[in-house]
Amino acid sequence: MKGNWSELELEKEFGDAISRTRFAPHSNNLLISSWDSNLRLYDVDASLLRLQAPSQAPLLDCCFQDDAVAFAAASDGLIRRYDLHSGLVDTVGRHDDMAMFIGYSNETCQLVTSGFDKKLLLWDMHTKKTSLCLRSLDAEVDSMSVSGFNVTIAIGASMHVYDLRYFDQPVESKEAFNGTHLRCVSSIPDAEGFAVGSVDGRVSLQISYPSGSDEIRYIFRCHPKSKDGRHYLVSVNDIAFSPLVSGAFATGDNEGYVTIWDAGSRRRLVEVFVY
């Protein structure tokens, strides 16, 4: 995996920080939400900006429903729907405080959102009904990931997995790092399980493949940086799994490093240079 890299040069500069990037389910289009209140859709193959939709508030997260429809969560609490062909924008609903995270489940046709109001909300995209409060939580969600029937969230030092079909209580709850604060969680696109990143540079993997092959369960130090002969640990800010290469995932830290790993062989494949 060395040497075959391509870069997407964006046509316009962003007015503020990027909050989320998501690739489309069935194309090489890239969705980007930003604190400059714009949602952008890029055609990666052509390096073209296909859509820029302004909003009235910073956008804190985004996701696809399919290649034609996307959603965004904003600091004004609103959940917005975007028609990526026509550019039309409408409001799905709102949180009582900032809407922080958003994800879509193809299996249930439901949108899942979380916010500073300490709520997990469900929105039925088939019936367009008002939201159902999945859970009222004890604290704000620090990270959220939706895959299949599962919603995985991080709160403080704990992570919880909910099944969208039976959400009276989480199907799994644990402290991944014995009290260390969690920074991010990520679901596995082709398997059951999750990855969790901590503020002190560790990643915990728990993966079970449908084929019945050996389960993957281990913790490793992800981004230790050596300075003056000592290791300085930096937070794992995000984890993203490849939808095409089983077990391949990338981690990013708050010093600008992105590293690609192979979960099965426990090897670092490549580290992308810092901009």
C-alpha atoms as a PDB file:
ATOM      1  CA  MET A   1       0.000   0.000   0.000  1.00  0.00           C
ATOM      2  CA  LYS A   2       2.864   2.341  -0.651  1.00  0.00           C
ATOM      3  CA  GLY A   3       3.159   4.832  -3.454  1.00  0.00           C
ATOM      4  CA  ASN A   4      -0.371   4.623  -4.902  1.00  0.00           C
ATOM      5  CA  TRP A   5      -1.783   7.785  -3.360  1.00  0.00           C
ATOM      6  CA  SER A   6      -3.890  10.462  -5.008  1.00  0.00           C
ATOM      7  CA  GLU A   7      -4.792  13.823  -3.520  1.00  0.00           C
ATOM      8  CA  LEU A   8      -8.051  15.710  -3.866  1.00  0.00           C
ATOM      9  CA  GLU A   9      -7.327  19.400  -4.348  1.00  0.00           C
ATOM     10  CA  LEU A  10     -10.330  21.368  -3.157  1.00  0.00           C
ATOM     11  CA  GLU A  11     -11.464  24.191  -5.407  1.00  0.00           C
ATOM     12  CA  LYS A  12     -12.314  26.597  -2.599  1.00  0.00           C
ATOM     13  CA  GLU A  13     -10.824  27.117   0.809  1.00  0.00           C
ATOM     14  CA  PHE A  14     -12.932  26.392   3.864  1.00  0.00           C
ATOM     15  CA  GLY A  15     -13.867  29.290   6.086  1.00  0.00           C
ATOM     16  CA  ASP A  16     -13.459  27.202   9.243  1.00  0.00           C
ATOM     17  CA  ALA A  17     -12.582  23.697  10.448  1.00  0.00           C
ATOM     18  CA  ILE A  18     -13.980  20.566   8.811  1.00  0.00           C
ATOM     19  CA  SER A  19     -16.171  18.626  11.245  1.00  0.00           C
ATOM     20  CA  ARG A  20     -16.759  15.410   9.238  1.00  0.00           C
ATOM     21  CA  THR A  21     -15.976  13.734   5.914  1.00  0.00           C
ATOM     22  CA  ARG A  22     -18.021  10.810   4.558  1.00  0.00           C
ATOM     23  CA  PHE A  23     -17.759   8.841   1.313  1.00  0.00           C
ATOM     24  CA  ALA A  24     -20.986   7.992  -0.532  1.00  0.00           C
ATOM     25  CA  PRO A  25     -22.261   4.397  -0.308  1.00  0.00           C
ATOM     26  CA  HIS A  26     -22.074   3.637  -4.054  1.00  0.00           C
ATOM     27  CA  SER A  27     -19.866   6.288  -5.636  1.00  0.00           C
ATOM     28  CA  ASN A  28     -16.634   8.136  -5.082  1.00  0.00           C
ATOM     29  CA  ASN A  29     -18.389  11.299  -3.908  1.00  0.00           C
ATOM     30  CA  LEU A  30     -17.195  12.900  -0.692  1.00  0.00           C
ATOM     31  CA  LEU A  31     -19.507  14.726   1.724  1.00  0.00           C
ATOM     32  CA  ILE A  32     -17.934  17.357   3.983  1.00  0.00           C
ATOM     33  CA  SER A  33     -19.548  19.307   6.821  1.00  0.00           C
ATOM     34  CA  SER A  34     -17.808  22.315   8.287  1.00  0.00           C
ATOM     35  CA  TRP A  35     -17.904  24.863  11.063  1.00  0.00           C
ATOM     36  CA  ASP A  36     -18.256  27.500   8.306  1.00  0.00           C
ATOM     37  CA  SER A  37     -21.943  26.374   8.106  1.00  0.00           C
ATOM     38  CA  ASN A  38     -21.633  24.790   4.647  1.00  0.00           C
ATOM     39  CA  LEU A  39     -22.246  21.243   3.460  1.00  0.00           C
ATOM     40  CA  ARG A  40     -20.167  20.361   0.407  1.00  0.00           C
ATOM     41  CA  LEU A  41     -20.278  17.425  -1.997  1.00  0.00           C
ATOM     42  CA  TYR A  42     -17.142  16.677  -4.021  1.00  0.00           C
ATOM     43  CA  ASP A  43     -16.697  14.378  -6.990  1.00  0.00           C
ATOM     44  CA  VAL A  44     -13.343  12.872  -6.037  1.00  0.00           C
ATOM     45  CA  ASP A  45     -12.649  11.308  -9.451  1.00  0.00           C
ATOM     46  CA  ALA A  46     -13.133  14.622 -11.253  1.00  0.00           C
ATOM     47  CA  SER A  47     -11.873  16.814  -8.355  1.00  0.00           C
ATOM     48  CA  LEU A  48     -15.009  18.930  -8.692  1.00  0.00           C
ATOM     49  CA  LEU A  49     -17.272  20.609  -6.182  1.00  0.00           C
ATOM     50  CA  ARG A  50     -20.750  19.309  -7.086  1.00  0.00           C
ATOM     51  CA  LEU A  51     -22.763  21.026  -4.363  1.00  0.00           C
ATOM     52  CA  GLN A  52     -22.307  23.679  -1.694  1.00  0.00           C
ATOM     53  CA  ALA A  53     -25.301  24.238   0.573  1.00  0.00           C
ATOM     54  CA  PRO A  54     -25.064  27.069   3.121  1.00  0.00           C
ATOM     55  CA  SER A  55     -26.745  26.883   6.514  1.00  0.00           C
ATOM     56  CA  GLN A  56     -27.548  29.265   9.347  1.00  0.00           C
ATOM     57  CA  ALA A  57     -25.341  27.499  11.893  1.00  0.00           C
ATOM     58  CA  PRO A  58     -22.082  25.535  12.031  1.00  0.00           C
ATOM     59  CA  LEU A  59     -22.497  21.922  10.889  1.00  0.00           C
ATOM     60  CA  LEU A  60     -21.029  19.471  13.396  1.00  0.00           C
ATOM     61  CA  ASP A  61     -21.639  16.147  11.592  1.00  0.00           C
ATOM     62  CA  CYS A  62     -23.066  14.714   8.371  1.00  0.00           C
ATOM     63  CA  CYS A  63     -23.999  11.399   6.777  1.00  0.00           C
ATOM     64  CA  PHE A  64     -25.511   9.880   3.632  1.00  0.00           C
ATOM     65  CA  GLN A  65     -28.876   8.159   3.364  1.00  0.00           C
ATOM     66  CA  ASP A  66     -27.938   7.159  -0.183  1.00  0.00           C
ATOM     67  CA  ASP A  67     -26.098   8.790  -3.074  1.00  0.00           C
ATOM     68  CA  ALA A  68     -28.967  11.263  -3.586  1.00  0.00           C
ATOM     69  CA  VAL A  69     -29.811  12.306  -0.002  1.00  0.00           C
ATOM     70  CA  ALA A  70     -27.675  13.461   2.920  1.00  0.00           C
ATOM     71  CA  PHE A  71     -28.239  14.799   6.434  1.00  0.00           C
ATOM     72  CA  ALA A  72     -26.394  17.195   8.731  1.00  0.00           C
ATOM     73  CA  ALA A  73     -26.469  18.011  12.449  1.00  0.00           C
ATOM     74  CA  ALA A  74     -25.960  21.643  13.412  1.00  0.00           C
ATOM     75  CA  SER A  75     -25.075  23.757  16.420  1.00  0.00           C
ATOM     76  CA  ASP A  76     -28.562  25.311  16.389  1.00  0.00           C
ATOM     77  CA  GLY A  77     -29.979  21.863  17.175  1.00  0.00           C
ATOM     78  CA  LEU A  78     -31.574  21.383  13.748  1.00  0.00           C
ATOM     79  CA  ILE A  79     -31.328  18.164  11.734  1.00  0.00           C
ATOM     80  CA  ARG A  80     -31.369  19.046   8.025  1.00  0.00           C
ATOM     81  CA  ARG A  81     -32.002  16.891   4.944  1.00  0.00           C
ATOM     82  CA  TYR A  82     -30.261  17.693   1.649  1.00  0.00           C
ATOM     83  CA  ASP A  83     -31.361  16.636  -1.830  1.00  0.00           C
ATOM     84  CA  LEU A  84     -27.948  16.318  -3.465  1.00  0.00           C
ATOM     85  CA  HIS A  85     -29.378  16.512  -7.004  1.00  0.00           C
ATOM     86  CA  SER A  86     -31.620  19.562  -6.681  1.00  0.00           C
ATOM     87  CA  GLY A  87     -29.850  21.282  -3.783  1.00  0.00           C
ATOM     88  CA  LEU A  88     -33.110  21.603  -1.823  1.00  0.00           C
ATOM     89  CA  VAL A  89     -32.806  21.618   1.970  1.00  0.00           C
ATOM     90  CA  ASP A  90     -35.530  20.911   4.526  1.00  0.00           C
ATOM     91  CA  THR A  91     -35.659  20.363   8.273  1.00  0.00           C
ATOM     92  CA  VAL A  92     -36.210  16.895   9.734  1.00  0.00           C
ATOM     93  CA  GLY A  93     -36.484  18.074  13.353  1.00  0.00           C
ATOM     94  CA  ARG A  94     -34.373  19.400  16.180  1.00  0.00           C
ATOM     95  CA  HIS A  95     -32.659  18.712  19.471  1.00  0.00           C
ATOM     96  CA  ASP A  96     -33.151  20.917  22.530  1.00  0.00           C
ATOM     97  CA  ASP A  97     -29.462  21.859  22.365  1.00  0.00           C
ATOM     98  CA  MET A  98     -26.627  21.486  19.855  1.00  0.00           C
ATOM     99  CA  ALA A  99     -26.956  18.418  17.604  1.00  0.00           C
ATOM    100  CA  MET A 100     -23.523  16.783  17.686  1.00  0.00           C
ATOM    101  CA  PHE A 101     -23.612  13.396  15.907  1.00  0.00           C
ATOM    102  CA  ILE A 102     -25.668  11.803  13.141  1.00  0.00           C
ATOM    103  CA  GLY A 103     -25.833   8.426  11.414  1.00  0.00           C
ATOM    104  CA  TYR A 104     -28.191   6.467   9.163  1.00  0.00           C
ATOM    105  CA  SER A 105     -29.192   2.792   9.327  1.00  0.00           C
ATOM    106  CA  ASN A 106     -30.121   1.232   5.980  1.00  0.00           C
ATOM    107  CA  GLU A 107     -31.461  -1.814   7.794  1.00  0.00           C
ATOM    108  CA  THR A 108     -34.134   0.113   9.729  1.00  0.00           C
ATOM    109  CA  CYS A 109     -34.419   3.221   7.477  1.00  0.00           C
ATOM    110  CA  GLN A 110     -33.864   5.328  10.581  1.00  0.00           C
ATOM    111  CA  LEU A 111     -31.738   8.375  11.226  1.00  0.00           C
ATOM    112  CA  VAL A 112     -30.000   8.425  14.627  1.00  0.00           C
ATOM    113  CA  THR A 113     -28.852  11.668  16.240  1.00  0.00           C
ATOM    114  CA  SER A 114     -27.361  12.744  19.558  1.00  0.00           C
ATOM    115  CA  GLY A 115     -26.886  16.159  21.070  1.00  0.00           C
ATOM    116  CA  PHE A 116     -25.920  18.274  24.046  1.00  0.00           C
ATOM    117  CA  ASP A 117     -29.448  17.731  25.376  1.00  0.00           C
ATOM    118  CA  LYS A 118     -28.212  14.251  26.442  1.00  0.00           C
ATOM    119  CA  LYS A 119     -30.654  12.458  24.137  1.00  0.00           C
ATOM    120  CA  LEU A 120     -30.401   9.802  21.456  1.00  0.00           C
ATOM    121  CA  LEU A 121     -33.190  10.427  18.927  1.00  0.00           C
ATOM    122  CA  LEU A 122     -34.587   8.234  16.135  1.00  0.00           C
ATOM    123  CA  TRP A 123     -36.171   9.635  12.970  1.00  0.00           C
ATOM    124  CA  ASP A 124     -38.178   7.306  10.705  1.00  0.00           C
ATOM    125  CA  MET A 125     -37.301   8.268   7.120  1.00  0.00           C
ATOM    126  CA  HIS A 126     -40.055   6.076   5.623  1.00  0.00           C
ATOM    127  CA  THR A 127     -43.002   7.572   7.470  1.00  0.00           C
ATOM    128  CA  LYS A 128     -41.409  10.995   8.162  1.00  0.00           C
ATOM    129  CA  LYS A 129     -42.773  10.723  11.683  1.00  0.00           C
ATOM    130  CA  THR A 130     -41.526  12.855  14.538  1.00  0.00           C
ATOM    131  CA  SER A 131     -38.602  11.606  16.555  1.00  0.00           C
ATOM    132  CA  LEU A 132     -38.662   8.827  19.103  1.00  0.00           C
ATOM    133  CA  CYS A 133     -36.394   9.333  22.083  1.00  0.00           C
ATOM    134  CA  LEU A 134     -34.191   6.259  22.059  1.00  0.00           C
ATOM    135  CA  ARG A 135     -32.493   7.128  25.346  1.00  0.00           C
ATOM    136  CA  SER A 136     -32.169   9.968  27.793  1.00  0.00           C
ATOM    137  CA  LEU A 137     -28.555   9.808  28.895  1.00  0.00           C
ATOM    138  CA  ASP A 138     -26.678  10.882  32.004  1.00  0.00           C
ATOM    139  CA  ALA A 139     -24.171  12.970  30.013  1.00  0.00           C
ATOM    140  CA  GLU A 140     -23.393  14.275  26.535  1.00  0.00           C
ATOM    141  CA  VAL A 141     -22.252  11.753  23.931  1.00  0.00           C
ATOM    142  CA  ASP A 142     -18.555  12.138  23.076  1.00  0.00           C
ATOM    143  CA  SER A 143     -18.690  10.006  19.913  1.00  0.00           C
ATOM    144  CA  MET A 144     -21.251   7.935  17.991  1.00  0.00           C
ATOM    145  CA  SER A 145     -21.207   5.419  15.156  1.00  0.00           C
ATOM    146  CA  VAL A 146     -24.107   3.701  13.357  1.00  0.00           C
ATOM    147  CA  SER A 147     -23.744   0.455  11.411  1.00  0.00           C
ATOM    148  CA  GLY A 148     -26.454  -2.059  10.546  1.00  0.00           C
ATOM    149  CA  PHE A 149     -28.798  -2.468  13.513  1.00  0.00           C
ATOM    150  CA  ASN A 150     -26.254  -1.158  16.029  1.00  0.00           C
ATOM    151  CA  VAL A 151     -25.538   2.261  17.491  1.00  0.00           C
ATOM    152  CA  THR A 152     -22.248   2.554  19.381  1.00  0.00           C
ATOM    153  CA  ILE A 153     -21.665   5.557  21.635  1.00  0.00           C
ATOM    154  CA  ALA A 154     -18.888   6.791  23.905  1.00  0.00           C
ATOM    155  CA  ILE A 155     -19.645   8.694  27.107  1.00  0.00           C
ATOM    156  CA  GLY A 156     -16.730   9.573  29.357  1.00  0.00           C
ATOM    157  CA  ALA A 157     -14.728   6.397  29.934  1.00  0.00           C
ATOM    158  CA  SER A 158     -17.543   4.032  28.882  1.00  0.00           C
ATOM    159  CA  MET A 159     -18.872   2.770  25.583  1.00  0.00           C
ATOM    160  CA  HIS A 160     -22.342   1.349  24.955  1.00  0.00           C
ATOM    161  CA  VAL A 161     -23.841  -0.608  22.055  1.00  0.00           C
ATOM    162  CA  TYR A 162     -27.589  -0.373  21.377  1.00  0.00           C
ATOM    163  CA  ASP A 163     -29.677  -2.524  19.033  1.00  0.00           C
ATOM    164  CA  LEU A 164     -32.150  -0.331  17.124  1.00  0.00           C
ATOM    165  CA  ARG A 165     -34.738  -3.136  17.229  1.00  0.00           C
ATOM    166  CA  TYR A 166     -34.608  -3.584  21.018  1.00  0.00           C
ATOM    167  CA  PHE A 167     -33.363  -0.428  22.659  1.00  0.00           C
ATOM    168  CA  ASP A 168     -34.692  -0.718  26.222  1.00  0.00           C
ATOM    169  CA  GLN A 169     -31.085  -1.141  27.364  1.00  0.00           C
ATOM    170  CA  PRO A 170     -27.662  -1.500  25.728  1.00  0.00           C
ATOM    171  CA  VAL A 171     -26.671  -4.938  24.502  1.00  0.00           C
ATOM    172  CA  GLU A 172     -23.122  -4.229  25.669  1.00  0.00           C
ATOM    173  CA  SER A 173     -21.484  -1.708  27.993  1.00  0.00           C
ATOM    174  CA  LYS A 174     -17.861  -1.579  29.066  1.00  0.00           C
ATOM    175  CA  GLU A 175     -14.896   0.571  29.988  1.00  0.00           C
ATOM    176  CA  ALA A 176     -12.410  -0.088  27.227  1.00  0.00           C
ATOM    177  CA  PHE A 177      -9.394   1.380  29.032  1.00  0.00           C
ATOM    178  CA  ASN A 178     -10.157   1.054  32.761  1.00  0.00           C
ATOM    179  CA  GLY A 179     -11.225   4.607  33.392  1.00  0.00           C
ATOM    180  CA  THR A 180      -9.377   6.488  30.655  1.00  0.00           C
ATOM    181  CA  HIS A 181     -11.595   8.927  28.764  1.00  0.00           C
ATOM    182  CA  LEU A 182     -12.717   7.806  25.309  1.00  0.00           C
ATOM    183  CA  ARG A 183     -12.276  10.084  22.313  1.00  0.00           C
ATOM    184  CA  CYS A 184     -13.925   8.176  19.459  1.00  0.00           C
ATOM    185  CA  VAL A 185     -15.788   4.999  18.507  1.00  0.00           C
ATOM    186  CA  SER A 186     -16.227   3.360  15.110  1.00  0.00           C
ATOM    187  CA  SER A 187     -18.405   0.487  13.907  1.00  0.00           C
ATOM    188  CA  ILE A 188     -17.075  -2.230  11.589  1.00  0.00           C
ATOM    189  CA  PRO A 189     -18.754  -2.180   8.139  1.00  0.00           C
ATOM    190  CA  ASP A 190     -18.370  -5.889   7.291  1.00  0.00           C
ATOM    191  CA  ALA A 191     -18.477  -7.449  10.764  1.00  0.00           C
ATOM    192  CA  GLU A 192     -19.900  -7.264  14.274  1.00  0.00           C
ATOM    193  CA  GLY A 193     -17.843  -5.187  16.655  1.00  0.00           C
ATOM    194  CA  PHE A 194     -16.241  -1.811  17.157  1.00  0.00           C
ATOM    195  CA  ALA A 195     -13.037   0.120  17.619  1.00  0.00           C
ATOM    196  CA  VAL A 196     -12.508   2.622  20.418  1.00  0.00           C
ATOM    197  CA  GLY A 197      -9.856   5.345  20.638  1.00  0.00           C
ATOM    198  CA  SER A 198      -8.690   6.993  23.858  1.00  0.00           C
ATOM    199  CA  VAL A 199      -7.292  10.388  24.824  1.00  0.00           C
ATOM    200  CA  ASP A 200      -3.949   8.759  25.741  1.00  0.00           C
ATOM    201  CA  GLY A 201      -3.285   7.237  22.315  1.00  0.00           C
ATOM    202  CA  ARG A 202      -4.680   3.700  22.647  1.00  0.00           C
ATOM    203  CA  VAL A 203      -7.033   1.785  20.350  1.00  0.00           C
ATOM    204  CA  SER A 204      -9.175  -1.166  21.438  1.00  0.00           C
ATOM    205  CA  LEU A 205     -10.469  -3.536  18.737  1.00  0.00           C
ATOM    206  CA  GLN A 206     -13.306  -6.046  19.100  1.00  0.00           C
ATOM    207  CA  ILE A 207     -14.236  -7.673  15.772  1.00  0.00           C
ATOM    208  CA  SER A 208     -16.246 -10.803  14.970  1.00  0.00           C
ATOM    209  CA  TYR A 209     -16.582 -11.761  11.275  1.00  0.00           C
ATOM    210  CA  PRO A 210     -19.674 -13.550   9.858  1.00  0.00           C
ATOM    211  CA  SER A 211     -17.442 -16.242   8.328  1.00  0.00           C
ATOM    212  CA  GLY A 212     -16.728 -17.540  11.813  1.00  0.00           C
ATOM    213  CA  SER A 213     -12.989 -16.900  11.577  1.00  0.00           C
ATOM    214  CA  ASP A 214     -11.042 -16.057  14.702  1.00  0.00           C
ATOM    215  CA  GLU A 215     -12.270 -13.066  16.652  1.00  0.00           C
ATOM    216  CA  ILE A 216     -10.007 -10.053  16.950  1.00  0.00           C
ATOM    217  CA  ARG A 217      -9.657  -8.578  20.439  1.00  0.00           C
ATOM    218  CA  TYR A 218      -6.659  -6.531  21.492  1.00  0.00           C
ATOM    219  CA  ILE A 219      -5.479  -3.084  22.603  1.00  0.00           C
ATOM    220  CA  PHE A 220      -2.453  -1.273  21.207  1.00  0.00           C
ATOM    221  CA  ARG A 221      -0.660   2.037  21.492  1.00  0.00           C
ATOM    222  CA  CYS A 222      -1.477   3.954  18.376  1.00  0.00           C
ATOM    223  CA  HIS A 223       0.309   7.287  18.134  1.00  0.00           C
ATOM    224  CA  PRO A 224       3.188   7.587  20.631  1.00  0.00           C
ATOM    225  CA  LYS A 225       5.500  10.426  19.591  1.00  0.00           C
ATOM    226  CA  SER A 226       9.112  10.462  20.714  1.00  0.00           C
ATOM    227  CA  LYS A 227      10.524  13.764  21.896  1.00  0.00           C
ATOM    228  CA  ASP A 228      13.775  14.151  23.809  1.00  0.00           C
ATOM    229  CA  GLY A 229      13.926  10.393  24.363  1.00  0.00           C
ATOM    230  CA  ARG A 230      10.484  10.276  25.970  1.00  0.00           C
ATOM    231  CA  HIS A 231       7.095   9.176  24.619  1.00  0.00           C
ATOM    232  CA  TYR A 232       4.332  11.763  24.502  1.00  0.00           C
ATOM    233  CA  LEU A 233       0.886  10.257  24.024  1.00  0.00           C
ATOM    234  CA  VAL A 234      -1.630  12.095  21.848  1.00  0.00           C
ATOM    235  CA  SER A 235      -5.370  11.577  21.525  1.00  0.00           C
ATOM    236  CA  VAL A 236      -6.832   9.279  18.860  1.00  0.00           C
ATOM    237  CA  ASN A 237      -9.354  11.685  17.378  1.00  0.00           C
ATOM    238  CA  ASP A 238     -10.989   9.424  14.802  1.00  0.00           C
ATOM    239  CA  ILE A 239     -11.059   5.851  13.479  1.00  0.00           C
ATOM    240  CA  ALA A 240     -12.400   4.930  10.029  1.00  0.00           C
ATOM    241  CA  PHE A 241     -12.703   1.442   8.533  1.00  0.00           C
ATOM    242  CA  SER A 242     -12.393   0.725   4.823  1.00  0.00           C
ATOM    243  CA  PRO A 243     -15.656  -0.511   3.240  1.00  0.00           C
ATOM    244  CA  LEU A 244     -13.626  -2.285   0.534  1.00  0.00           C
ATOM    245  CA  VAL A 245     -10.645  -3.874   2.330  1.00  0.00           C
ATOM    246  CA  SER A 246     -11.655  -6.111   5.240  1.00  0.00           C
ATOM    247  CA  GLY A 247      -9.837  -5.246   8.461  1.00  0.00           C
ATOM    248  CA  ALA A 248      -8.128  -2.138   7.104  1.00  0.00           C
ATOM    249  CA  PHE A 249      -8.665   1.028   9.124  1.00  0.00           C
ATOM    250  CA  ALA A 250      -7.180   4.464   9.607  1.00  0.00           C
ATOM    251  CA  THR A 251      -6.565   6.452  12.769  1.00  0.00           C
ATOM    252  CA  GLY A 252      -5.951  10.176  13.081  1.00  0.00           C
ATOM    253  CA  ASP A 253      -4.501  12.169  15.960  1.00  0.00           C
ATOM    254  CA  ASN A 254      -4.613  15.819  16.971  1.00  0.00           C
ATOM    255  CA  GLU A 255      -1.102  16.489  15.663  1.00  0.00           C
ATOM    256  CA  GLY A 256      -2.129  15.808  12.062  1.00  0.00           C
ATOM    257  CA  TYR A 257      -0.895  12.227  11.643  1.00  0.00           C
ATOM    258  CA  VAL A 258      -3.016   9.629   9.826  1.00  0.00           C
ATOM    259  CA  THR A 259      -1.965   5.969  10.033  1.00  0.00           C
ATOM    260  CA  ILE A 260      -3.436   2.992   8.170  1.00  0.00           C
ATOM    261  CA  TRP A 261      -3.477  -0.387   9.930  1.00  0.00           C
ATOM    262  CA  ASP A 262      -4.357  -4.013   9.241  1.00  0.00           C
ATOM    263  CA  ALA A 263      -6.405  -5.383  12.133  1.00  0.00           C
ATOM    264  CA  GLY A 264      -5.778  -9.059  11.337  1.00  0.00           C
ATOM    265  CA  SER A 265      -1.994  -8.931  11.102  1.00  0.00           C
ATOM    266  CA  ARG A 266      -1.700  -6.185  13.754  1.00  0.00           C
ATOM    267  CA  ARG A 267       0.599  -4.234  11.444  1.00  0.00           C
ATOM    268  CA  ARG A 268       0.944  -0.584  10.578  1.00  0.00           C
ATOM    269  CA  LEU A 269       0.693  -0.366   6.793  1.00  0.00           C
ATOM    270  CA  VAL A 270       1.576   3.255   6.171  1.00  0.00           C
ATOM    271  CA  GLU A 271       1.687   6.645   7.893  1.00  0.00           C
ATOM    272  CA  VAL A 272       0.493   9.605   5.867  1.00  0.00           C
ATOM    273  CA  PHE A 273       2.720  12.662   6.153  1.00  0.00           C
ATOM    274  CA  VAL A 274       1.594  15.677   8.141  1.00  0.00           C
ATOM    275  CA  TYR A 275       0.418  18.766   6.271  1.00  0.00           C
END
